[in-house]
Amino acid sequence: MKMNITILGTGAFGLALGNLLHDKSKGKITLWTTFEEEYLEITSNNTYDKVLTGIKLASDLKVTLSLTEALKKPDLIIVAIPCNYVREVLIKLKDYLNSNSRVLLVSKGLEKSTNYLMHEIYQDLNLKGHVSYLAGPTFAKELIVNSRCGLTLATKDEMTKNIVLNLFKDTNVEIEITEDIIGLELYGVIKNILAILMGSINSKYQKDSTNAYYLTKIYNYAVLLVNSLGGSKKTATCYGALGDILLTCNSKNSRNYTYGTLLYLNKEEAKEYLDHFTVEGVVALKALQERITKINDICPNIIAVLKNMTNYFNGRDSLDKVIELF
């Protein structure tokens, strides 16, 4: 029997995930978007060049503008919406959910108005069903062509685990399991901040040995920070933690890494880049600082590093002032 899988959102990751599972799994995949322009391009041309330039989508990929149609008895609902719109979409889901519903979040970040992680928004809305989280080191353009990679699923629900493992079993994506949803989400937030910093560090030193030296230091800092915020130590070596940090902090395909490079080399170009592209790490740093102020017992050095990174990102401090604290 085919499983009904609904993906809410046709951005790069949601679309790549939907197309991959359509081609390689036995699931019946339905994607939902609220944007008619996206819907028309995908359904008419089998492309969405804005986010997946030059990639042809499956000709029979099912996309709908109707949430009611998208949510006809789904076995799994995957929410792939930018983090600051997750609450709005989850509110729309409320009347469709029951105690047996299974929702998988893939959005990364902290909600702007509350500094909540994505699963905390779900809990805050007191929604029915089981909520889980999926993350890992892969770019949408590589996921869609079934490149070998690993993703981490954070769940305490056995049925969600079985559904996800079954969906990906005929792909080149390896799924590992953890119960640490807070830790996995936090690494997804922090890695974008660190990628900006590593872009600057690599631009300054341009030596692989030095890059590895600092990458090790900032990874250890990330582990300390996540543990201080309630994450499990075991999560640190997962695909969605160590793997995602390695990918984002070393790749010129990362917007955050690119911004960090420009920030060190040419602040005017960095400002222009920030005006044209979403750089998640800049937004995440501010939200993370606000979240940390609510915790009483936290290492002063953790706070100092975040403060100096903020000053550097805003042009008030040098890169040296940041890295001397690691």
C-alpha atoms as a PDB file:
ATOM      1  CA  MET A   1       0.000   0.000   0.000  1.00  0.00           C
ATOM      2  CA  LYS A   2       1.326   3.436  -0.969  1.00  0.00           C
ATOM      3  CA  MET A   3       1.866   5.943   1.806  1.00  0.00           C
ATOM      4  CA  ASN A   4       0.418   9.420   1.296  1.00  0.00           C
ATOM      5  CA  ILE A   5       3.119  12.024   1.879  1.00  0.00           C
ATOM      6  CA  THR A   6       2.304  15.740   1.899  1.00  0.00           C
ATOM      7  CA  ILE A   7       5.076  18.326   1.591  1.00  0.00           C
ATOM      8  CA  LEU A   8       4.088  21.860   2.514  1.00  0.00           C
ATOM      9  CA  GLY A   9       6.318  24.295   0.655  1.00  0.00           C
ATOM     10  CA  THR A  10       7.939  24.312  -2.778  1.00  0.00           C
ATOM     11  CA  GLY A  11      11.185  26.040  -1.913  1.00  0.00           C
ATOM     12  CA  ALA A  12      14.481  24.429  -2.881  1.00  0.00           C
ATOM     13  CA  PHE A  13      14.593  21.752  -0.183  1.00  0.00           C
ATOM     14  CA  GLY A  14      10.893  20.890  -0.202  1.00  0.00           C
ATOM     15  CA  LEU A  15      10.840  20.593  -3.975  1.00  0.00           C
ATOM     16  CA  ALA A  16      14.062  18.573  -4.094  1.00  0.00           C
ATOM     17  CA  LEU A  17      12.795  16.242  -1.384  1.00  0.00           C
ATOM     18  CA  GLY A  18       9.433  15.839  -3.092  1.00  0.00           C
ATOM     19  CA  ASN A  19      10.941  15.096  -6.491  1.00  0.00           C
ATOM     20  CA  LEU A  20      13.426  12.585  -5.042  1.00  0.00           C
ATOM     21  CA  LEU A  21      10.750  10.704  -3.095  1.00  0.00           C
ATOM     22  CA  HIS A  22       8.411  10.794  -6.087  1.00  0.00           C
ATOM     23  CA  ASP A  23      11.099   9.114  -8.209  1.00  0.00           C
ATOM     24  CA  LYS A  24      12.644   6.719  -5.716  1.00  0.00           C
ATOM     25  CA  SER A  25      10.057   5.813  -3.071  1.00  0.00           C
ATOM     26  CA  LYS A  26       6.739   4.032  -3.094  1.00  0.00           C
ATOM     27  CA  GLY A  27       5.081   7.049  -1.510  1.00  0.00           C
ATOM     28  CA  LYS A  28       2.352   9.084  -3.158  1.00  0.00           C
ATOM     29  CA  ILE A  29       3.835  12.588  -2.954  1.00  0.00           C
ATOM     30  CA  THR A  30       1.768  15.788  -2.966  1.00  0.00           C
ATOM     31  CA  LEU A  31       3.360  19.243  -2.733  1.00  0.00           C
ATOM     32  CA  TRP A  32       1.469  22.336  -1.628  1.00  0.00           C
ATOM     33  CA  THR A  33       2.217  25.977  -2.340  1.00  0.00           C
ATOM     34  CA  THR A  34       0.296  29.202  -1.814  1.00  0.00           C
ATOM     35  CA  PHE A  35       2.050  30.939  -4.719  1.00  0.00           C
ATOM     36  CA  GLU A  36       0.304  30.661  -8.066  1.00  0.00           C
ATOM     37  CA  GLU A  37       3.452  31.684  -9.976  1.00  0.00           C
ATOM     38  CA  GLU A  38       5.364  28.741  -8.471  1.00  0.00           C
ATOM     39  CA  TYR A  39       2.468  26.391  -9.118  1.00  0.00           C
ATOM     40  CA  LEU A  40       2.168  27.412 -12.788  1.00  0.00           C
ATOM     41  CA  GLU A  41       5.889  27.073 -13.535  1.00  0.00           C
ATOM     42  CA  ILE A  42       6.187  23.684 -11.845  1.00  0.00           C
ATOM     43  CA  THR A  43       3.052  22.223 -13.408  1.00  0.00           C
ATOM     44  CA  SER A  44       3.494  23.784 -16.856  1.00  0.00           C
ATOM     45  CA  ASN A  45       7.256  23.624 -17.385  1.00  0.00           C
ATOM     46  CA  ASN A  46       8.387  21.005 -14.862  1.00  0.00           C
ATOM     47  CA  THR A  47      10.910  23.534 -13.578  1.00  0.00           C
ATOM     48  CA  TYR A  48      11.303  26.086 -10.832  1.00  0.00           C
ATOM     49  CA  ASP A  49      14.385  27.972 -11.928  1.00  0.00           C
ATOM     50  CA  LYS A  50      14.302  30.486  -9.107  1.00  0.00           C
ATOM     51  CA  VAL A  51      15.508  27.871  -6.621  1.00  0.00           C
ATOM     52  CA  LEU A  52      16.616  24.894  -8.766  1.00  0.00           C
ATOM     53  CA  THR A  53      18.123  26.495 -11.859  1.00  0.00           C
ATOM     54  CA  GLY A  54      18.498  24.176 -14.834  1.00  0.00           C
ATOM     55  CA  ILE A  55      16.907  21.165 -13.159  1.00  0.00           C
ATOM     56  CA  LYS A  56      14.000  19.324 -14.778  1.00  0.00           C
ATOM     57  CA  LEU A  57      11.338  18.042 -12.390  1.00  0.00           C
ATOM     58  CA  ALA A  58       9.244  14.922 -12.832  1.00  0.00           C
ATOM     59  CA  SER A  59       6.508  15.572 -15.392  1.00  0.00           C
ATOM     60  CA  ASP A  60       3.850  13.966 -13.192  1.00  0.00           C
ATOM     61  CA  LEU A  61       4.895  15.610  -9.914  1.00  0.00           C
ATOM     62  CA  LYS A  62       1.676  16.462  -8.074  1.00  0.00           C
ATOM     63  CA  VAL A  63       1.417  20.070  -6.879  1.00  0.00           C
ATOM     64  CA  THR A  64      -1.672  21.812  -5.537  1.00  0.00           C
ATOM     65  CA  LEU A  65      -2.762  25.237  -4.329  1.00  0.00           C
ATOM     66  CA  SER A  66      -5.452  23.642  -2.144  1.00  0.00           C
ATOM     67  CA  LEU A  67      -4.479  22.767   1.426  1.00  0.00           C
ATOM     68  CA  THR A  68      -7.604  20.605   1.738  1.00  0.00           C
ATOM     69  CA  GLU A  69      -6.552  18.574  -1.274  1.00  0.00           C
ATOM     70  CA  ALA A  70      -2.974  18.295  -0.020  1.00  0.00           C
ATOM     71  CA  LEU A  71      -4.111  16.988   3.368  1.00  0.00           C
ATOM     72  CA  LYS A  72      -6.410  14.153   2.299  1.00  0.00           C
ATOM     73  CA  LYS A  73      -5.470  11.433   4.804  1.00  0.00           C
ATOM     74  CA  PRO A  74      -1.686  11.931   4.773  1.00  0.00           C
ATOM     75  CA  ASP A  75       0.501   9.366   6.529  1.00  0.00           C
ATOM     76  CA  LEU A  76       3.173  12.028   6.972  1.00  0.00           C
ATOM     77  CA  ILE A  77       3.112  15.824   6.657  1.00  0.00           C
ATOM     78  CA  ILE A  78       6.492  17.421   5.919  1.00  0.00           C
ATOM     79  CA  VAL A  79       6.700  21.153   6.680  1.00  0.00           C
ATOM     80  CA  ALA A  80       9.347  22.784   4.457  1.00  0.00           C
ATOM     81  CA  ILE A  81       8.480  26.457   4.965  1.00  0.00           C
ATOM     82  CA  PRO A  82      10.897  29.318   5.852  1.00  0.00           C
ATOM     83  CA  CYS A  83      11.125  29.405   9.647  1.00  0.00           C
ATOM     84  CA  ASN A  84       9.299  32.699  10.170  1.00  0.00           C
ATOM     85  CA  TYR A  85       6.217  31.367   8.343  1.00  0.00           C
ATOM     86  CA  VAL A  86       6.066  28.006  10.125  1.00  0.00           C
ATOM     87  CA  ARG A  87       3.661  29.242  12.805  1.00  0.00           C
ATOM     88  CA  GLU A  88       1.275  30.618  10.182  1.00  0.00           C
ATOM     89  CA  VAL A  89       1.247  27.289   8.330  1.00  0.00           C
ATOM     90  CA  LEU A  90       0.928  25.200  11.497  1.00  0.00           C
ATOM     91  CA  ILE A  91      -2.114  27.239  12.532  1.00  0.00           C
ATOM     92  CA  LYS A  92      -3.695  26.344   9.181  1.00  0.00           C
ATOM     93  CA  LEU A  93      -2.952  22.683   9.899  1.00  0.00           C
ATOM     94  CA  LYS A  94      -4.720  22.658  13.253  1.00  0.00           C
ATOM     95  CA  ASP A  95      -8.133  21.535  12.007  1.00  0.00           C
ATOM     96  CA  TYR A  96      -6.590  18.733   9.925  1.00  0.00           C
ATOM     97  CA  LEU A  97      -4.594  17.123  12.748  1.00  0.00           C
ATOM     98  CA  ASN A  98      -5.615  14.354  15.121  1.00  0.00           C
ATOM     99  CA  SER A  99      -3.843  12.201  17.701  1.00  0.00           C
ATOM    100  CA  ASN A 100      -2.520   9.905  14.950  1.00  0.00           C
ATOM    101  CA  SER A 101      -1.123  12.700  12.754  1.00  0.00           C
ATOM    102  CA  ARG A 102       2.589  12.737  12.057  1.00  0.00           C
ATOM    103  CA  VAL A 103       4.336  16.012  11.224  1.00  0.00           C
ATOM    104  CA  LEU A 104       7.977  16.207  10.151  1.00  0.00           C
ATOM    105  CA  LEU A 105       9.642  19.624  10.322  1.00  0.00           C
ATOM    106  CA  VAL A 106      12.634  20.432   8.098  1.00  0.00           C
ATOM    107  CA  SER A 107      12.680  24.230   8.505  1.00  0.00           C
ATOM    108  CA  LYS A 108      15.811  25.614  10.188  1.00  0.00           C
ATOM    109  CA  GLY A 109      16.066  28.635  12.440  1.00  0.00           C
ATOM    110  CA  LEU A 110      14.579  30.453  15.389  1.00  0.00           C
ATOM    111  CA  GLU A 111      11.224  32.191  15.074  1.00  0.00           C
ATOM    112  CA  LYS A 112      11.816  35.945  14.938  1.00  0.00           C
ATOM    113  CA  SER A 113       9.086  37.031  17.350  1.00  0.00           C
ATOM    114  CA  THR A 114       9.648  34.362  20.034  1.00  0.00           C
ATOM    115  CA  ASN A 115      13.115  32.845  19.404  1.00  0.00           C
ATOM    116  CA  TYR A 116      11.401  29.446  19.449  1.00  0.00           C
ATOM    117  CA  LEU A 117      12.783  26.419  17.650  1.00  0.00           C
ATOM    118  CA  MET A 118      10.397  24.880  15.119  1.00  0.00           C
ATOM    119  CA  HIS A 119       9.167  22.045  17.345  1.00  0.00           C
ATOM    120  CA  GLU A 120       8.586  24.570  20.129  1.00  0.00           C
ATOM    121  CA  ILE A 121       6.173  26.461  17.876  1.00  0.00           C
ATOM    122  CA  TYR A 122       4.279  23.190  17.368  1.00  0.00           C
ATOM    123  CA  GLN A 123       4.144  22.660  21.139  1.00  0.00           C
ATOM    124  CA  ASP A 124       3.203  26.279  21.776  1.00  0.00           C
ATOM    125  CA  LEU A 125       0.168  25.884  19.507  1.00  0.00           C
ATOM    126  CA  ASN A 126      -0.815  22.728  21.414  1.00  0.00           C
ATOM    127  CA  LEU A 127      -1.265  20.814  18.179  1.00  0.00           C
ATOM    128  CA  LYS A 128      -2.357  17.192  18.128  1.00  0.00           C
ATOM    129  CA  GLY A 129      -0.228  14.352  16.762  1.00  0.00           C
ATOM    130  CA  HIS A 130       3.471  13.527  16.750  1.00  0.00           C
ATOM    131  CA  VAL A 131       6.114  16.077  15.757  1.00  0.00           C
ATOM    132  CA  SER A 132       9.608  15.115  14.533  1.00  0.00           C
ATOM    133  CA  TYR A 133      12.550  16.858  12.872  1.00  0.00           C
ATOM    134  CA  LEU A 134      14.836  16.031   9.921  1.00  0.00           C
ATOM    135  CA  ALA A 135      18.170  17.675   9.109  1.00  0.00           C
ATOM    136  CA  GLY A 136      21.538  16.938   7.577  1.00  0.00           C
ATOM    137  CA  PRO A 137      24.353  18.030   5.288  1.00  0.00           C
ATOM    138  CA  THR A 138      22.958  18.240   1.783  1.00  0.00           C
ATOM    139  CA  PHE A 139      22.241  20.966  -0.734  1.00  0.00           C
ATOM    140  CA  ALA A 140      18.922  20.810  -2.583  1.00  0.00           C
ATOM    141  CA  LYS A 141      20.599  20.604  -6.007  1.00  0.00           C
ATOM    142  CA  GLU A 142      22.490  17.515  -4.862  1.00  0.00           C
ATOM    143  CA  LEU A 143      19.601  15.898  -3.000  1.00  0.00           C
ATOM    144  CA  ILE A 144      17.327  16.095  -6.032  1.00  0.00           C
ATOM    145  CA  VAL A 145      19.752  14.065  -8.170  1.00  0.00           C
ATOM    146  CA  ASN A 146      20.003  11.398  -5.469  1.00  0.00           C
ATOM    147  CA  SER A 147      23.592  12.127  -4.410  1.00  0.00           C
ATOM    148  CA  ARG A 148      24.850   9.967  -1.549  1.00  0.00           C
ATOM    149  CA  CYS A 149      24.331  11.781   1.744  1.00  0.00           C
ATOM    150  CA  GLY A 150      23.113  11.326   5.307  1.00  0.00           C
ATOM    151  CA  LEU A 151      20.191  12.869   7.190  1.00  0.00           C
ATOM    152  CA  THR A 152      19.351  12.728  10.883  1.00  0.00           C
ATOM    153  CA  LEU A 153      15.785  12.100  12.037  1.00  0.00           C
ATOM    154  CA  ALA A 154      14.909  13.270  15.536  1.00  0.00           C
ATOM    155  CA  THR A 155      11.802  11.460  16.728  1.00  0.00           C
ATOM    156  CA  LYS A 156      10.330   9.561  19.669  1.00  0.00           C
ATOM    157  CA  ASP A 157       7.572   8.104  17.513  1.00  0.00           C
ATOM    158  CA  GLU A 158       8.138   4.594  16.179  1.00  0.00           C
ATOM    159  CA  MET A 159       5.676   4.980  13.307  1.00  0.00           C
ATOM    160  CA  THR A 160       7.373   8.162  12.058  1.00  0.00           C
ATOM    161  CA  LYS A 161      10.712   6.368  12.192  1.00  0.00           C
ATOM    162  CA  ASN A 162       9.361   3.463  10.145  1.00  0.00           C
ATOM    163  CA  ILE A 163       7.702   5.730   7.573  1.00  0.00           C
ATOM    164  CA  VAL A 164      10.870   7.795   7.005  1.00  0.00           C
ATOM    165  CA  LEU A 165      13.169   4.765   6.827  1.00  0.00           C
ATOM    166  CA  ASN A 166      10.828   3.145   4.322  1.00  0.00           C
ATOM    167  CA  LEU A 167      10.589   6.295   2.203  1.00  0.00           C
ATOM    168  CA  PHE A 168      14.354   6.602   1.807  1.00  0.00           C
ATOM    169  CA  LYS A 169      15.305   2.922   1.597  1.00  0.00           C
ATOM    170  CA  ASP A 170      15.713   2.949  -2.219  1.00  0.00           C
ATOM    171  CA  THR A 171      17.566   6.277  -2.327  1.00  0.00           C
ATOM    172  CA  ASN A 172      21.214   7.146  -1.708  1.00  0.00           C
ATOM    173  CA  VAL A 173      20.200   8.943   1.495  1.00  0.00           C
ATOM    174  CA  GLU A 174      21.136   7.215   4.737  1.00  0.00           C
ATOM    175  CA  ILE A 175      18.855   7.982   7.690  1.00  0.00           C
ATOM    176  CA  GLU A 176      20.141   7.875  11.269  1.00  0.00           C
ATOM    177  CA  ILE A 177      17.874   8.209  14.309  1.00  0.00           C
ATOM    178  CA  THR A 178      18.089  10.277  17.486  1.00  0.00           C
ATOM    179  CA  GLU A 179      15.538  11.356  20.073  1.00  0.00           C
ATOM    180  CA  ASP A 180      17.281  14.715  20.623  1.00  0.00           C
ATOM    181  CA  ILE A 181      15.083  17.104  18.674  1.00  0.00           C
ATOM    182  CA  ILE A 182      16.273  20.225  20.548  1.00  0.00           C
ATOM    183  CA  GLY A 183      19.950  19.444  19.948  1.00  0.00           C
ATOM    184  CA  LEU A 184      19.442  18.642  16.271  1.00  0.00           C
ATOM    185  CA  GLU A 185      17.509  21.861  15.728  1.00  0.00           C
ATOM    186  CA  LEU A 186      20.099  23.949  17.547  1.00  0.00           C
ATOM    187  CA  TYR A 187      22.933  22.662  15.359  1.00  0.00           C
ATOM    188  CA  GLY A 188      20.878  23.715  12.341  1.00  0.00           C
ATOM    189  CA  VAL A 189      20.736  27.243  13.759  1.00  0.00           C
ATOM    190  CA  ILE A 190      24.352  27.510  14.902  1.00  0.00           C
ATOM    191  CA  LYS A 191      26.002  26.096  11.767  1.00  0.00           C
ATOM    192  CA  ASN A 192      24.877  29.107   9.699  1.00  0.00           C
ATOM    193  CA  ILE A 193      26.456  31.523  12.187  1.00  0.00           C
ATOM    194  CA  LEU A 194      29.703  29.547  12.208  1.00  0.00           C
ATOM    195  CA  ALA A 195      29.745  29.363   8.399  1.00  0.00           C
ATOM    196  CA  ILE A 196      29.934  33.162   8.227  1.00  0.00           C
ATOM    197  CA  LEU A 197      32.847  33.107  10.628  1.00  0.00           C
ATOM    198  CA  MET A 198      34.656  30.346   8.709  1.00  0.00           C
ATOM    199  CA  GLY A 199      34.205  32.238   5.434  1.00  0.00           C
ATOM    200  CA  SER A 200      36.062  35.157   7.005  1.00  0.00           C
ATOM    201  CA  ILE A 201      38.728  32.971   8.630  1.00  0.00           C
ATOM    202  CA  ASN A 202      39.520  31.178   5.391  1.00  0.00           C
ATOM    203  CA  SER A 203      39.714  34.497   3.551  1.00  0.00           C
ATOM    204  CA  LYS A 204      42.155  35.834   6.138  1.00  0.00           C
ATOM    205  CA  TYR A 205      44.543  32.867   6.318  1.00  0.00           C
ATOM    206  CA  GLN A 206      43.957  30.919   3.061  1.00  0.00           C
ATOM    207  CA  LYS A 207      45.685  27.848   4.490  1.00  0.00           C
ATOM    208  CA  ASP A 208      43.985  24.465   4.802  1.00  0.00           C
ATOM    209  CA  SER A 209      45.819  23.652   8.035  1.00  0.00           C
ATOM    210  CA  THR A 210      44.731  26.903   9.652  1.00  0.00           C
ATOM    211  CA  ASN A 211      41.197  26.431   8.387  1.00  0.00           C
ATOM    212  CA  ALA A 212      41.063  22.962   9.977  1.00  0.00           C
ATOM    213  CA  TYR A 213      42.516  24.365  13.207  1.00  0.00           C
ATOM    214  CA  TYR A 214      39.792  26.966  13.568  1.00  0.00           C
ATOM    215  CA  LEU A 215      37.022  24.697  12.285  1.00  0.00           C
ATOM    216  CA  THR A 216      37.852  22.232  15.065  1.00  0.00           C
ATOM    217  CA  LYS A 217      37.748  25.030  17.620  1.00  0.00           C
ATOM    218  CA  ILE A 218      34.395  26.409  16.473  1.00  0.00           C
ATOM    219  CA  TYR A 219      32.911  22.897  16.280  1.00  0.00           C
ATOM    220  CA  ASN A 220      33.906  22.332  19.920  1.00  0.00           C
ATOM    221  CA  TYR A 221      32.319  25.680  20.738  1.00  0.00           C
ATOM    222  CA  ALA A 222      29.102  24.600  18.984  1.00  0.00           C
ATOM    223  CA  VAL A 223      29.001  21.391  21.033  1.00  0.00           C
ATOM    224  CA  LEU A 224      29.471  23.344  24.268  1.00  0.00           C
ATOM    225  CA  LEU A 225      26.762  25.826  23.277  1.00  0.00           C
ATOM    226  CA  VAL A 226      24.223  23.167  22.269  1.00  0.00           C
ATOM    227  CA  ASN A 227      24.836  21.197  25.463  1.00  0.00           C
ATOM    228  CA  SER A 228      24.346  24.382  27.501  1.00  0.00           C
ATOM    229  CA  LEU A 229      21.001  24.936  25.768  1.00  0.00           C
ATOM    230  CA  GLY A 230      19.687  21.449  26.519  1.00  0.00           C
ATOM    231  CA  GLY A 231      20.967  19.305  23.661  1.00  0.00           C
ATOM    232  CA  SER A 232      22.458  15.845  24.148  1.00  0.00           C
ATOM    233  CA  LYS A 233      26.210  15.263  23.902  1.00  0.00           C
ATOM    234  CA  LYS A 234      25.518  12.206  21.717  1.00  0.00           C
ATOM    235  CA  THR A 235      24.026  14.375  18.961  1.00  0.00           C
ATOM    236  CA  ALA A 236      27.327  16.168  18.336  1.00  0.00           C
ATOM    237  CA  THR A 237      28.610  13.596  15.829  1.00  0.00           C
ATOM    238  CA  CYS A 238      25.349  13.153  13.871  1.00  0.00           C
ATOM    239  CA  TYR A 239      24.932  14.023  10.200  1.00  0.00           C
ATOM    240  CA  GLY A 240      22.713  16.936  11.216  1.00  0.00           C
ATOM    241  CA  ALA A 241      25.366  18.264  13.614  1.00  0.00           C
ATOM    242  CA  LEU A 242      29.005  17.567  12.716  1.00  0.00           C
ATOM    243  CA  GLY A 243      28.123  16.779   9.093  1.00  0.00           C
ATOM    244  CA  ASP A 244      26.095  19.937   8.590  1.00  0.00           C
ATOM    245  CA  ILE A 245      28.791  22.098  10.181  1.00  0.00           C
ATOM    246  CA  LEU A 246      31.474  20.565   7.936  1.00  0.00           C
ATOM    247  CA  LEU A 247      29.368  21.145   4.816  1.00  0.00           C
ATOM    248  CA  THR A 248      28.188  24.670   5.552  1.00  0.00           C
ATOM    249  CA  CYS A 249      31.506  25.905   6.934  1.00  0.00           C
ATOM    250  CA  ASN A 250      33.533  24.703   3.947  1.00  0.00           C
ATOM    251  CA  SER A 251      31.336  25.269   0.914  1.00  0.00           C
ATOM    252  CA  LYS A 252      31.244  28.249  -1.408  1.00  0.00           C
ATOM    253  CA  ASN A 253      27.708  27.120  -2.279  1.00  0.00           C
ATOM    254  CA  SER A 254      26.680  28.247   1.221  1.00  0.00           C
ATOM    255  CA  ARG A 255      25.236  31.781   1.313  1.00  0.00           C
ATOM    256  CA  ASN A 256      26.512  32.157   4.869  1.00  0.00           C
ATOM    257  CA  TYR A 257      30.075  31.147   3.958  1.00  0.00           C
ATOM    258  CA  THR A 258      30.005  33.471   0.940  1.00  0.00           C
ATOM    259  CA  TYR A 259      28.803  36.349   3.093  1.00  0.00           C
ATOM    260  CA  GLY A 260      31.596  35.681   5.599  1.00  0.00           C
ATOM    261  CA  THR A 261      34.147  35.828   2.797  1.00  0.00           C
ATOM    262  CA  LEU A 262      32.816  39.183   1.616  1.00  0.00           C
ATOM    263  CA  LEU A 263      32.593  40.501   5.173  1.00  0.00           C
ATOM    264  CA  TYR A 264      36.343  40.093   5.558  1.00  0.00           C
ATOM    265  CA  LEU A 265      37.394  41.166   2.052  1.00  0.00           C
ATOM    266  CA  ASN A 266      34.964  43.945   1.160  1.00  0.00           C
ATOM    267  CA  LYS A 267      32.357  45.257   3.583  1.00  0.00           C
ATOM    268  CA  GLU A 268      30.526  47.229   0.884  1.00  0.00           C
ATOM    269  CA  GLU A 269      30.072  44.109  -1.226  1.00  0.00           C
ATOM    270  CA  ALA A 270      28.999  42.248   1.911  1.00  0.00           C
ATOM    271  CA  LYS A 271      26.309  44.844   2.537  1.00  0.00           C
ATOM    272  CA  GLU A 272      25.054  44.543  -1.055  1.00  0.00           C
ATOM    273  CA  TYR A 273      25.006  40.751  -0.743  1.00  0.00           C
ATOM    274  CA  LEU A 274      22.961  41.026   2.445  1.00  0.00           C
ATOM    275  CA  ASP A 275      20.488  43.280   0.628  1.00  0.00           C
ATOM    276  CA  HIS A 276      19.952  40.707  -2.131  1.00  0.00           C
ATOM    277  CA  PHE A 277      20.146  37.355  -0.337  1.00  0.00           C
ATOM    278  CA  THR A 278      18.850  35.790   2.861  1.00  0.00           C
ATOM    279  CA  VAL A 279      21.834  35.107   5.126  1.00  0.00           C
ATOM    280  CA  GLU A 280      20.339  32.937   7.848  1.00  0.00           C
ATOM    281  CA  GLY A 281      23.329  33.217  10.188  1.00  0.00           C
ATOM    282  CA  VAL A 282      22.948  36.979  10.632  1.00  0.00           C
ATOM    283  CA  VAL A 283      19.324  36.620  11.727  1.00  0.00           C
ATOM    284  CA  ALA A 284      20.042  33.515  13.813  1.00  0.00           C
ATOM    285  CA  LEU A 285      22.825  35.171  15.814  1.00  0.00           C
ATOM    286  CA  LYS A 286      20.541  37.896  17.144  1.00  0.00           C
ATOM    287  CA  ALA A 287      17.815  35.396  18.056  1.00  0.00           C
ATOM    288  CA  LEU A 288      20.291  33.044  19.711  1.00  0.00           C
ATOM    289  CA  GLN A 289      21.682  35.829  21.886  1.00  0.00           C
ATOM    290  CA  GLU A 290      18.196  36.755  23.034  1.00  0.00           C
ATOM    291  CA  ARG A 291      17.454  33.107  23.821  1.00  0.00           C
ATOM    292  CA  ILE A 292      20.623  32.734  25.878  1.00  0.00           C
ATOM    293  CA  THR A 293      19.852  35.763  28.055  1.00  0.00           C
ATOM    294  CA  LYS A 294      16.978  33.746  29.549  1.00  0.00           C
ATOM    295  CA  ILE A 295      19.359  31.065  30.864  1.00  0.00           C
ATOM    296  CA  ASN A 296      20.896  31.713  34.272  1.00  0.00           C
ATOM    297  CA  ASP A 297      23.755  29.203  34.436  1.00  0.00           C
ATOM    298  CA  ILE A 298      25.788  29.532  31.244  1.00  0.00           C
ATOM    299  CA  CYS A 299      29.518  29.835  30.642  1.00  0.00           C
ATOM    300  CA  PRO A 300      30.576  33.529  30.350  1.00  0.00           C
ATOM    301  CA  ASN A 301      32.873  32.677  27.422  1.00  0.00           C
ATOM    302  CA  ILE A 302      29.885  31.397  25.401  1.00  0.00           C
ATOM    303  CA  ILE A 303      28.183  34.757  25.811  1.00  0.00           C
ATOM    304  CA  ALA A 304      31.391  36.676  25.054  1.00  0.00           C
ATOM    305  CA  VAL A 305      31.943  34.811  21.772  1.00  0.00           C
ATOM    306  CA  LEU A 306      28.391  35.537  20.606  1.00  0.00           C
ATOM    307  CA  LYS A 307      28.774  39.202  21.541  1.00  0.00           C
ATOM    308  CA  ASN A 308      32.057  39.553  19.645  1.00  0.00           C
ATOM    309  CA  MET A 309      30.609  37.788  16.600  1.00  0.00           C
ATOM    310  CA  THR A 310      27.710  40.238  16.619  1.00  0.00           C
ATOM    311  CA  ASN A 311      30.138  43.157  16.780  1.00  0.00           C
ATOM    312  CA  TYR A 312      32.191  41.713  13.914  1.00  0.00           C
ATOM    313  CA  PHE A 313      29.142  41.057  11.743  1.00  0.00           C
ATOM    314  CA  ASN A 314      28.054  44.663  12.365  1.00  0.00           C
ATOM    315  CA  GLY A 315      31.499  46.105  11.584  1.00  0.00           C
ATOM    316  CA  ARG A 316      32.294  47.205  15.133  1.00  0.00           C
ATOM    317  CA  ASP A 317      35.053  44.668  15.896  1.00  0.00           C
ATOM    318  CA  SER A 318      37.807  42.915  13.987  1.00  0.00           C
ATOM    319  CA  LEU A 319      37.846  39.216  13.122  1.00  0.00           C
ATOM    320  CA  ASP A 320      40.837  38.817  15.459  1.00  0.00           C
ATOM    321  CA  LYS A 321      38.704  39.975  18.383  1.00  0.00           C
ATOM    322  CA  VAL A 322      36.330  37.066  17.741  1.00  0.00           C
ATOM    323  CA  ILE A 323      38.777  34.250  17.136  1.00  0.00           C
ATOM    324  CA  GLU A 324      41.007  35.086  20.107  1.00  0.00           C
ATOM    325  CA  LEU A 325      38.248  33.728  22.364  1.00  0.00           C
ATOM    326  CA  PHE A 326      38.252  30.208  20.889  1.00  0.00           C
END
